[in-house]
Amino acid sequence: MTSQPIQKYLDLIRSYIDRKISTKEFEREYLLMFKGDKEGVSEKAFLILDRLFSDVDCYTDILPLGKWDISEEQLREAAKKAYLTLGKGE
């Protein structure tokens, strides 16, 4: 069973992967959730979520992409990877 602090991230990421929310909505909600998280998660989960935070921070819809920028497709793939890794257990 997934811990409650992780479940909120899984729910948000799943909504994004399933295209129930836009990339801009995901970006806004994820950044707010991660920056404001007071519950704390395991070190393993934090490293996964922190990596996704970096990916979200690098996302842009402005073309051409810069050296550190990632596209919507790349962000969605990063979210899928984080979701699968987090879902394997905290």
PDB file of N, CA and C in Angstrom:
ATOM      1  N   MET A   1       0.847  -1.193   0.000  1.00  0.00           N
ATOM      2  CA  MET A   1       0.000   0.000   0.000  1.00  0.00           C
ATOM      3  C   MET A   1       0.885   1.246   0.000  1.00  0.00           C
ATOM      4  N   THR A   2       0.475   2.241  -0.749  1.00  0.00           N
ATOM      5  CA  THR A   2       1.238   3.479  -0.879  1.00  0.00           C
ATOM      6  C   THR A   2       0.917   4.414   0.276  1.00  0.00           C
ATOM      7  N   SER A   3       1.939   5.094   0.787  1.00  0.00           N
ATOM      8  CA  SER A   3       1.720   6.025   1.889  1.00  0.00           C
ATOM      9  C   SER A   3       0.933   7.235   1.417  1.00  0.00           C
ATOM     10  N   GLN A   4       0.223   7.856   2.347  1.00  0.00           N
ATOM     11  CA  GLN A   4      -0.624   9.011   2.027  1.00  0.00           C
ATOM     12  C   GLN A   4       0.162  10.173   1.413  1.00  0.00           C
ATOM     13  N   PRO A   5       1.351  10.528   1.955  1.00  0.00           N
ATOM     14  CA  PRO A   5       2.092  11.634   1.329  1.00  0.00           C
ATOM     15  C   PRO A   5       2.423  11.377  -0.143  1.00  0.00           C
ATOM     16  N   ILE A   6       2.688  10.116  -0.494  1.00  0.00           N
ATOM     17  CA  ILE A   6       3.013   9.778  -1.873  1.00  0.00           C
ATOM     18  C   ILE A   6       1.755   9.703  -2.736  1.00  0.00           C
ATOM     19  N   GLN A   7       0.647   9.297  -2.150  1.00  0.00           N
ATOM     20  CA  GLN A   7      -0.578   9.102  -2.929  1.00  0.00           C
ATOM     21  C   GLN A   7      -1.027  10.384  -3.623  1.00  0.00           C
ATOM     22  N   LYS A   8      -0.883  11.517  -2.967  1.00  0.00           N
ATOM     23  CA  LYS A   8      -1.301  12.776  -3.598  1.00  0.00           C
ATOM     24  C   LYS A   8      -0.467  13.062  -4.848  1.00  0.00           C
ATOM     25  N   TYR A   9       0.812  12.709  -4.800  1.00  0.00           N
ATOM     26  CA  TYR A   9       1.662  12.873  -5.987  1.00  0.00           C
ATOM     27  C   TYR A   9       1.245  11.897  -7.077  1.00  0.00           C
ATOM     28  N   LEU A  10       1.005  10.656  -6.695  1.00  0.00           N
ATOM     29  CA  LEU A  10       0.582   9.650  -7.673  1.00  0.00           C
ATOM     30  C   LEU A  10      -0.719  10.060  -8.358  1.00  0.00           C
ATOM     31  N   ASP A  11      -1.660  10.589  -7.574  1.00  0.00           N
ATOM     32  CA  ASP A  11      -2.943  11.023  -8.143  1.00  0.00           C
ATOM     33  C   ASP A  11      -2.747  12.151  -9.155  1.00  0.00           C
ATOM     34  N   LEU A  12      -1.928  13.124  -8.797  1.00  0.00           N
ATOM     35  CA  LEU A  12      -1.677  14.254  -9.699  1.00  0.00           C
ATOM     36  C   LEU A  12      -0.956  13.790 -10.959  1.00  0.00           C
ATOM     37  N   ILE A  13       0.072  12.987 -10.790  1.00  0.00           N
ATOM     38  CA  ILE A  13       0.833  12.503 -11.940  1.00  0.00           C
ATOM     39  C   ILE A  13      -0.049  11.657 -12.840  1.00  0.00           C
ATOM     40  N   ARG A  14      -0.883  10.809 -12.258  1.00  0.00           N
ATOM     41  CA  ARG A  14      -1.794   9.960 -13.055  1.00  0.00           C
ATOM     42  C   ARG A  14      -2.763  10.826 -13.863  1.00  0.00           C
ATOM     43  N   SER A  15      -3.274  11.873 -13.258  1.00  0.00           N
ATOM     44  CA  SER A  15      -4.171  12.788 -13.975  1.00  0.00           C
ATOM     45  C   SER A  15      -3.482  13.385 -15.193  1.00  0.00           C
ATOM     46  N   TYR A  16      -2.217  13.690 -15.043  1.00  0.00           N
ATOM     47  CA  TYR A  16      -1.449  14.253 -16.151  1.00  0.00           C
ATOM     48  C   TYR A  16      -1.175  13.203 -17.222  1.00  0.00           C
ATOM     49  N   ILE A  17      -0.726  12.048 -16.800  1.00  0.00           N
ATOM     50  CA  ILE A  17      -0.437  10.970 -17.751  1.00  0.00           C
ATOM     51  C   ILE A  17      -1.692  10.614 -18.558  1.00  0.00           C
ATOM     52  N   ASP A  18      -2.839  10.593 -17.878  1.00  0.00           N
ATOM     53  CA  ASP A  18      -4.116  10.254 -18.532  1.00  0.00           C
ATOM     54  C   ASP A  18      -4.732  11.420 -19.300  1.00  0.00           C
ATOM     55  N   ARG A  19      -4.013  12.553 -19.315  1.00  0.00           N
ATOM     56  CA  ARG A  19      -4.443  13.758 -20.029  1.00  0.00           C
ATOM     57  C   ARG A  19      -5.758  14.336 -19.500  1.00  0.00           C
ATOM     58  N   LYS A  20      -5.998  14.147 -18.221  1.00  0.00           N
ATOM     59  CA  LYS A  20      -7.175  14.737 -17.578  1.00  0.00           C
ATOM     60  C   LYS A  20      -6.905  16.191 -17.205  1.00  0.00           C
ATOM     61  N   ILE A  21      -5.614  16.526 -17.092  1.00  0.00           N
ATOM     62  CA  ILE A  21      -5.221  17.920 -16.856  1.00  0.00           C
ATOM     63  C   ILE A  21      -4.152  18.278 -17.890  1.00  0.00           C
ATOM     64  N   SER A  22      -4.050  19.561 -18.174  1.00  0.00           N
ATOM     65  CA  SER A  22      -3.078  20.032 -19.162  1.00  0.00           C
ATOM     66  C   SER A  22      -1.674  20.065 -18.567  1.00  0.00           C
ATOM     67  N   THR A  23      -0.714  20.230 -19.435  1.00  0.00           N
ATOM     68  CA  THR A  23       0.671  20.337 -18.981  1.00  0.00           C
ATOM     69  C   THR A  23       0.839  21.569 -18.095  1.00  0.00           C
ATOM     70  N   LYS A  24       0.233  22.670 -18.470  1.00  0.00           N
ATOM     71  CA  LYS A  24       0.330  23.887 -17.658  1.00  0.00           C
ATOM     72  C   LYS A  24      -0.290  23.679 -16.279  1.00  0.00           C
ATOM     73  N   GLU A  25      -1.438  22.980 -16.213  1.00  0.00           N
ATOM     74  CA  GLU A  25      -2.061  22.689 -14.916  1.00  0.00           C
ATOM     75  C   GLU A  25      -1.157  21.790 -14.078  1.00  0.00           C
ATOM     76  N   PHE A  26      -0.601  20.772 -14.716  1.00  0.00           N
ATOM     77  CA  PHE A  26       0.293  19.873 -14.005  1.00  0.00           C
ATOM     78  C   PHE A  26       1.513  20.631 -13.478  1.00  0.00           C
ATOM     79  N   GLU A  27       2.087  21.442 -14.336  1.00  0.00           N
ATOM     80  CA  GLU A  27       3.261  22.224 -13.943  1.00  0.00           C
ATOM     81  C   GLU A  27       2.953  23.070 -12.704  1.00  0.00           C
ATOM     82  N   ARG A  28       1.859  23.798 -12.753  1.00  0.00           N
ATOM     83  CA  ARG A  28       1.480  24.679 -11.644  1.00  0.00           C
ATOM     84  C   ARG A  28       1.210  23.875 -10.363  1.00  0.00           C
ATOM     85  N   GLU A  29       0.400  22.832 -10.482  1.00  0.00           N
ATOM     86  CA  GLU A  29       0.023  22.049  -9.309  1.00  0.00           C
ATOM     87  C   GLU A  29       1.200  21.280  -8.708  1.00  0.00           C
ATOM     88  N   TYR A  30       2.040  20.722  -9.573  1.00  0.00           N
ATOM     89  CA  TYR A  30       3.169  19.954  -9.069  1.00  0.00           C
ATOM     90  C   TYR A  30       4.162  20.848  -8.339  1.00  0.00           C
ATOM     91  N   LEU A  31       4.481  21.987  -8.929  1.00  0.00           N
ATOM     92  CA  LEU A  31       5.426  22.905  -8.279  1.00  0.00           C
ATOM     93  C   LEU A  31       4.893  23.377  -6.931  1.00  0.00           C
ATOM     94  N   LEU A  32       3.613  23.711  -6.869  1.00  0.00           N
ATOM     95  CA  LEU A  32       3.011  24.136  -5.600  1.00  0.00           C
ATOM     96  C   LEU A  32       3.036  23.006  -4.575  1.00  0.00           C
ATOM     97  N   MET A  33       2.676  21.794  -5.017  1.00  0.00           N
ATOM     98  CA  MET A  33       2.630  20.659  -4.112  1.00  0.00           C
ATOM     99  C   MET A  33       4.025  20.346  -3.567  1.00  0.00           C
ATOM    100  N   PHE A  34       4.995  20.280  -4.446  1.00  0.00           N
ATOM    101  CA  PHE A  34       6.341  19.894  -4.031  1.00  0.00           C
ATOM    102  C   PHE A  34       6.964  20.953  -3.126  1.00  0.00           C
ATOM    103  N   LYS A  35       6.843  22.205  -3.501  1.00  0.00           N
ATOM    104  CA  LYS A  35       7.441  23.279  -2.691  1.00  0.00           C
ATOM    105  C   LYS A  35       6.762  23.415  -1.336  1.00  0.00           C
ATOM    106  N   GLY A  36       5.464  23.143  -1.285  1.00  0.00           N
ATOM    107  CA  GLY A  36       4.711  23.332  -0.050  1.00  0.00           C
ATOM    108  C   GLY A  36       4.545  22.082   0.786  1.00  0.00           C
ATOM    109  N   ASP A  37       5.163  20.986   0.384  1.00  0.00           N
ATOM    110  CA  ASP A  37       4.980  19.714   1.080  1.00  0.00           C
ATOM    111  C   ASP A  37       5.598  19.759   2.474  1.00  0.00           C
ATOM    112  N   LYS A  38       4.755  19.621   3.464  1.00  0.00           N
ATOM    113  CA  LYS A  38       5.204  19.648   4.862  1.00  0.00           C
ATOM    114  C   LYS A  38       5.187  18.252   5.488  1.00  0.00           C
ATOM    115  N   GLU A  39       4.589  17.272   4.788  1.00  0.00           N
ATOM    116  CA  GLU A  39       4.439  15.935   5.365  1.00  0.00           C
ATOM    117  C   GLU A  39       5.724  15.126   5.333  1.00  0.00           C
ATOM    118  N   GLY A  40       6.523  15.351   4.333  1.00  0.00           N
ATOM    119  CA  GLY A  40       7.755  14.597   4.214  1.00  0.00           C
ATOM    120  C   GLY A  40       7.523  13.215   3.624  1.00  0.00           C
ATOM    121  N   VAL A  41       8.501  12.744   2.912  1.00  0.00           N
ATOM    122  CA  VAL A  41       8.457  11.428   2.283  1.00  0.00           C
ATOM    123  C   VAL A  41       9.799  10.755   2.525  1.00  0.00           C
ATOM    124  N   SER A  42       9.874   9.487   2.185  1.00  0.00           N
ATOM    125  CA  SER A  42      11.138   8.775   2.348  1.00  0.00           C
ATOM    126  C   SER A  42      12.200   9.396   1.448  1.00  0.00           C
ATOM    127  N   GLU A  43      13.448   9.090   1.744  1.00  0.00           N
ATOM    128  CA  GLU A  43      14.543   9.619   0.922  1.00  0.00           C
ATOM    129  C   GLU A  43      14.432   9.128  -0.517  1.00  0.00           C
ATOM    130  N   LYS A  44      14.095   7.859  -0.685  1.00  0.00           N
ATOM    131  CA  LYS A  44      13.943   7.286  -2.025  1.00  0.00           C
ATOM    132  C   LYS A  44      12.860   8.028  -2.815  1.00  0.00           C
ATOM    133  N   ALA A  45      11.714   8.235  -2.188  1.00  0.00           N
ATOM    134  CA  ALA A  45      10.621   8.944  -2.853  1.00  0.00           C
ATOM    135  C   ALA A  45      11.008  10.388  -3.136  1.00  0.00           C
ATOM    136  N   PHE A  46      11.686  11.026  -2.184  1.00  0.00           N
ATOM    137  CA  PHE A  46      12.100  12.412  -2.388  1.00  0.00           C
ATOM    138  C   PHE A  46      12.990  12.542  -3.618  1.00  0.00           C
ATOM    139  N   LEU A  47      13.925  11.624  -3.783  1.00  0.00           N
ATOM    140  CA  LEU A  47      14.823  11.700  -4.940  1.00  0.00           C
ATOM    141  C   LEU A  47      14.059  11.568  -6.259  1.00  0.00           C
ATOM    142  N   ILE A  48      13.064  10.721  -6.286  1.00  0.00           N
ATOM    143  CA  ILE A  48      12.232  10.565  -7.489  1.00  0.00           C
ATOM    144  C   ILE A  48      11.435  11.835  -7.738  1.00  0.00           C
ATOM    145  N   LEU A  49      10.796  12.348  -6.690  1.00  0.00           N
ATOM    146  CA  LEU A  49       9.978  13.565  -6.818  1.00  0.00           C
ATOM    147  C   LEU A  49      10.830  14.786  -7.144  1.00  0.00           C
ATOM    148  N   ASP A  50      12.028  14.839  -6.582  1.00  0.00           N
ATOM    149  CA  ASP A  50      12.930  15.956  -6.852  1.00  0.00           C
ATOM    150  C   ASP A  50      13.388  15.943  -8.310  1.00  0.00           C
ATOM    151  N   ARG A  51      13.635  14.767  -8.842  1.00  0.00           N
ATOM    152  CA  ARG A  51      14.011  14.645 -10.263  1.00  0.00           C
ATOM    153  C   ARG A  51      12.870  15.138 -11.153  1.00  0.00           C
ATOM    154  N   LEU A  52      11.641  14.744 -10.800  1.00  0.00           N
ATOM    155  CA  LEU A  52      10.487  15.211 -11.571  1.00  0.00           C
ATOM    156  C   LEU A  52      10.331  16.722 -11.417  1.00  0.00           C
ATOM    157  N   PHE A  53      10.607  17.251 -10.239  1.00  0.00           N
ATOM    158  CA  PHE A  53      10.569  18.696 -10.029  1.00  0.00           C
ATOM    159  C   PHE A  53      11.518  19.391 -11.009  1.00  0.00           C
ATOM    160  N   SER A  54      12.712  18.853 -11.152  1.00  0.00           N
ATOM    161  CA  SER A  54      13.686  19.422 -12.099  1.00  0.00           C
ATOM    162  C   SER A  54      13.157  19.358 -13.528  1.00  0.00           C
ATOM    163  N   ASP A  55      12.538  18.234 -13.870  1.00  0.00           N
ATOM    164  CA  ASP A  55      11.970  18.099 -15.215  1.00  0.00           C
ATOM    165  C   ASP A  55      10.847  19.105 -15.445  1.00  0.00           C
ATOM    166  N   VAL A  56       9.992  19.264 -14.457  1.00  0.00           N
ATOM    167  CA  VAL A  56       8.896  20.238 -14.567  1.00  0.00           C
ATOM    168  C   VAL A  56       9.470  21.640 -14.724  1.00  0.00           C
ATOM    169  N   ASP A  57      10.508  21.939 -13.973  1.00  0.00           N
ATOM    170  CA  ASP A  57      11.143  23.249 -14.035  1.00  0.00           C
ATOM    171  C   ASP A  57      11.780  23.511 -15.405  1.00  0.00           C
ATOM    172  N   CYS A  58      12.223  22.457 -16.070  1.00  0.00           N
ATOM    173  CA  CYS A  58      12.863  22.594 -17.388  1.00  0.00           C
ATOM    174  C   CYS A  58      11.856  22.611 -18.538  1.00  0.00           C
ATOM    175  N   TYR A  59      10.599  22.308 -18.249  1.00  0.00           N
ATOM    176  CA  TYR A  59       9.581  22.272 -19.301  1.00  0.00           C
ATOM    177  C   TYR A  59       9.335  23.659 -19.874  1.00  0.00           C
ATOM    178  N   THR A  60       9.179  23.718 -21.189  1.00  0.00           N
ATOM    179  CA  THR A  60       8.760  24.948 -21.854  1.00  0.00           C
ATOM    180  C   THR A  60       7.987  24.590 -23.116  1.00  0.00           C
ATOM    181  N   ASP A  61       7.082  25.474 -23.497  1.00  0.00           N
ATOM    182  CA  ASP A  61       6.364  25.276 -24.759  1.00  0.00           C
ATOM    183  C   ASP A  61       6.867  26.258 -25.819  1.00  0.00           C
ATOM    184  N   ILE A  62       7.970  26.922 -25.523  1.00  0.00           N
ATOM    185  CA  ILE A  62       8.561  27.874 -26.459  1.00  0.00           C
ATOM    186  C   ILE A  62       9.601  27.147 -27.311  1.00  0.00           C
ATOM    187  N   LEU A  63       9.446  27.281 -28.607  1.00  0.00           N
ATOM    188  CA  LEU A  63      10.384  26.643 -29.543  1.00  0.00           C
ATOM    189  C   LEU A  63      11.272  27.690 -30.178  1.00  0.00           C
ATOM    190  N   PRO A  64      12.469  27.381 -30.537  1.00  0.00           N
ATOM    191  CA  PRO A  64      13.131  26.099 -30.335  1.00  0.00           C
ATOM    192  C   PRO A  64      13.522  25.922 -28.872  1.00  0.00           C
ATOM    193  N   LEU A  65      13.650  24.671 -28.478  1.00  0.00           N
ATOM    194  CA  LEU A  65      14.043  24.370 -27.104  1.00  0.00           C
ATOM    195  C   LEU A  65      15.494  24.783 -26.875  1.00  0.00           C
ATOM    196  N   GLY A  66      15.744  25.305 -25.707  1.00  0.00           N
ATOM    197  CA  GLY A  66      17.107  25.643 -25.325  1.00  0.00           C
ATOM    198  C   GLY A  66      17.844  24.399 -24.849  1.00  0.00           C
ATOM    199  N   LYS A  67      19.082  24.574 -24.491  1.00  0.00           N
ATOM    200  CA  LYS A  67      19.939  23.466 -24.081  1.00  0.00           C
ATOM    201  C   LYS A  67      19.355  22.663 -22.917  1.00  0.00           C
ATOM    202  N   TRP A  68      18.733  23.317 -21.959  1.00  0.00           N
ATOM    203  CA  TRP A  68      18.231  22.658 -20.758  1.00  0.00           C
ATOM    204  C   TRP A  68      16.720  22.470 -20.776  1.00  0.00           C
ATOM    205  N   ASP A  69      16.056  22.894 -21.826  1.00  0.00           N
ATOM    206  CA  ASP A  69      14.603  22.808 -21.910  1.00  0.00           C
ATOM    207  C   ASP A  69      14.144  21.415 -22.312  1.00  0.00           C
ATOM    208  N   ILE A  70      12.924  21.065 -21.866  1.00  0.00           N
ATOM    209  CA  ILE A  70      12.312  19.827 -22.332  1.00  0.00           C
ATOM    210  C   ILE A  70      10.915  20.127 -22.846  1.00  0.00           C
ATOM    211  N   SER A  71      10.459  19.304 -23.769  1.00  0.00           N
ATOM    212  CA  SER A  71       9.153  19.475 -24.397  1.00  0.00           C
ATOM    213  C   SER A  71       8.052  18.825 -23.555  1.00  0.00           C
ATOM    214  N   GLU A  72       6.815  19.050 -23.970  1.00  0.00           N
ATOM    215  CA  GLU A  72       5.676  18.425 -23.300  1.00  0.00           C
ATOM    216  C   GLU A  72       5.784  16.901 -23.355  1.00  0.00           C
ATOM    217  N   GLU A  73       6.165  16.383 -24.499  1.00  0.00           N
ATOM    218  CA  GLU A  73       6.305  14.928 -24.653  1.00  0.00           C
ATOM    219  C   GLU A  73       7.367  14.382 -23.692  1.00  0.00           C
ATOM    220  N   GLN A  74       8.480  15.082 -23.578  1.00  0.00           N
ATOM    221  CA  GLN A  74       9.546  14.649 -22.669  1.00  0.00           C
ATOM    222  C   GLN A  74       9.093  14.725 -21.211  1.00  0.00           C
ATOM    223  N   LEU A  75       8.329  15.759 -20.876  1.00  0.00           N
ATOM    224  CA  LEU A  75       7.822  15.889 -19.510  1.00  0.00           C
ATOM    225  C   LEU A  75       6.840  14.765 -19.200  1.00  0.00           C
ATOM    226  N   ARG A  76       5.980  14.447 -20.144  1.00  0.00           N
ATOM    227  CA  ARG A  76       5.012  13.370 -19.925  1.00  0.00           C
ATOM    228  C   ARG A  76       5.748  12.033 -19.715  1.00  0.00           C
ATOM    229  N   GLU A  77       6.812  11.800 -20.460  1.00  0.00           N
ATOM    230  CA  GLU A  77       7.609  10.581 -20.283  1.00  0.00           C
ATOM    231  C   GLU A  77       8.277  10.562 -18.915  1.00  0.00           C
ATOM    232  N   ALA A  78       8.794  11.702 -18.482  1.00  0.00           N
ATOM    233  CA  ALA A  78       9.419  11.794 -17.157  1.00  0.00           C
ATOM    234  C   ALA A  78       8.381  11.526 -16.064  1.00  0.00           C
ATOM    235  N   ALA A  79       7.171  12.038 -16.256  1.00  0.00           N
ATOM    236  CA  ALA A  79       6.094  11.818 -15.290  1.00  0.00           C
ATOM    237  C   ALA A  79       5.725  10.337 -15.239  1.00  0.00           C
ATOM    238  N   LYS A  80       5.667   9.690 -16.393  1.00  0.00           N
ATOM    239  CA  LYS A  80       5.355   8.249 -16.434  1.00  0.00           C
ATOM    240  C   LYS A  80       6.417   7.454 -15.683  1.00  0.00           C
ATOM    241  N   LYS A  81       7.666   7.798 -15.910  1.00  0.00           N
ATOM    242  CA  LYS A  81       8.766   7.098 -15.245  1.00  0.00           C
ATOM    243  C   LYS A  81       8.671   7.281 -13.727  1.00  0.00           C
ATOM    244  N   ALA A  82       8.432   8.507 -13.290  1.00  0.00           N
ATOM    245  CA  ALA A  82       8.302   8.775 -11.857  1.00  0.00           C
ATOM    246  C   ALA A  82       7.112   8.015 -11.278  1.00  0.00           C
ATOM    247  N   TYR A  83       6.015   8.023 -11.994  1.00  0.00           N
ATOM    248  CA  TYR A  83       4.805   7.336 -11.530  1.00  0.00           C
ATOM    249  C   TYR A  83       5.070   5.846 -11.340  1.00  0.00           C
ATOM    250  N   LEU A  84       5.683   5.236 -12.325  1.00  0.00           N
ATOM    251  CA  LEU A  84       5.965   3.804 -12.237  1.00  0.00           C
ATOM    252  C   LEU A  84       6.942   3.479 -11.115  1.00  0.00           C
ATOM    253  N   THR A  85       7.951   4.309 -10.962  1.00  0.00           N
ATOM    254  CA  THR A  85       8.941   4.089  -9.921  1.00  0.00           C
ATOM    255  C   THR A  85       8.342   4.288  -8.526  1.00  0.00           C
ATOM    256  N   LEU A  86       7.560   5.340  -8.353  1.00  0.00           N
ATOM    257  CA  LEU A  86       6.904   5.582  -7.063  1.00  0.00           C
ATOM    258  C   LEU A  86       5.884   4.499  -6.755  1.00  0.00           C
ATOM    259  N   GLY A  87       5.183   4.043  -7.775  1.00  0.00           N
ATOM    260  CA  GLY A  87       4.155   3.028  -7.601  1.00  0.00           C
ATOM    261  C   GLY A  87       4.691   1.673  -7.169  1.00  0.00           C
ATOM    262  N   LYS A  88       5.981   1.464  -7.337  1.00  0.00           N
ATOM    263  CA  LYS A  88       6.595   0.191  -6.938  1.00  0.00           C
ATOM    264  C   LYS A  88       6.795   0.121  -5.434  1.00  0.00           C
ATOM    265  N   GLY A  89       6.462   1.206  -4.776  1.00  0.00           N
ATOM    266  CA  GLY A  89       6.579   1.210  -3.316  1.00  0.00           C
ATOM    267  C   GLY A  89       7.557   2.244  -2.842  1.00  0.00           C
ATOM    268  N   GLU A  90       7.196   2.843  -1.756  1.00  0.00           N
ATOM    269  CA  GLU A  90       8.032   3.878  -1.172  1.00  0.00           C
ATOM    270  C   GLU A  90       9.050   3.271  -0.255  1.00  0.00           C
TER     271      GLU A  90
END
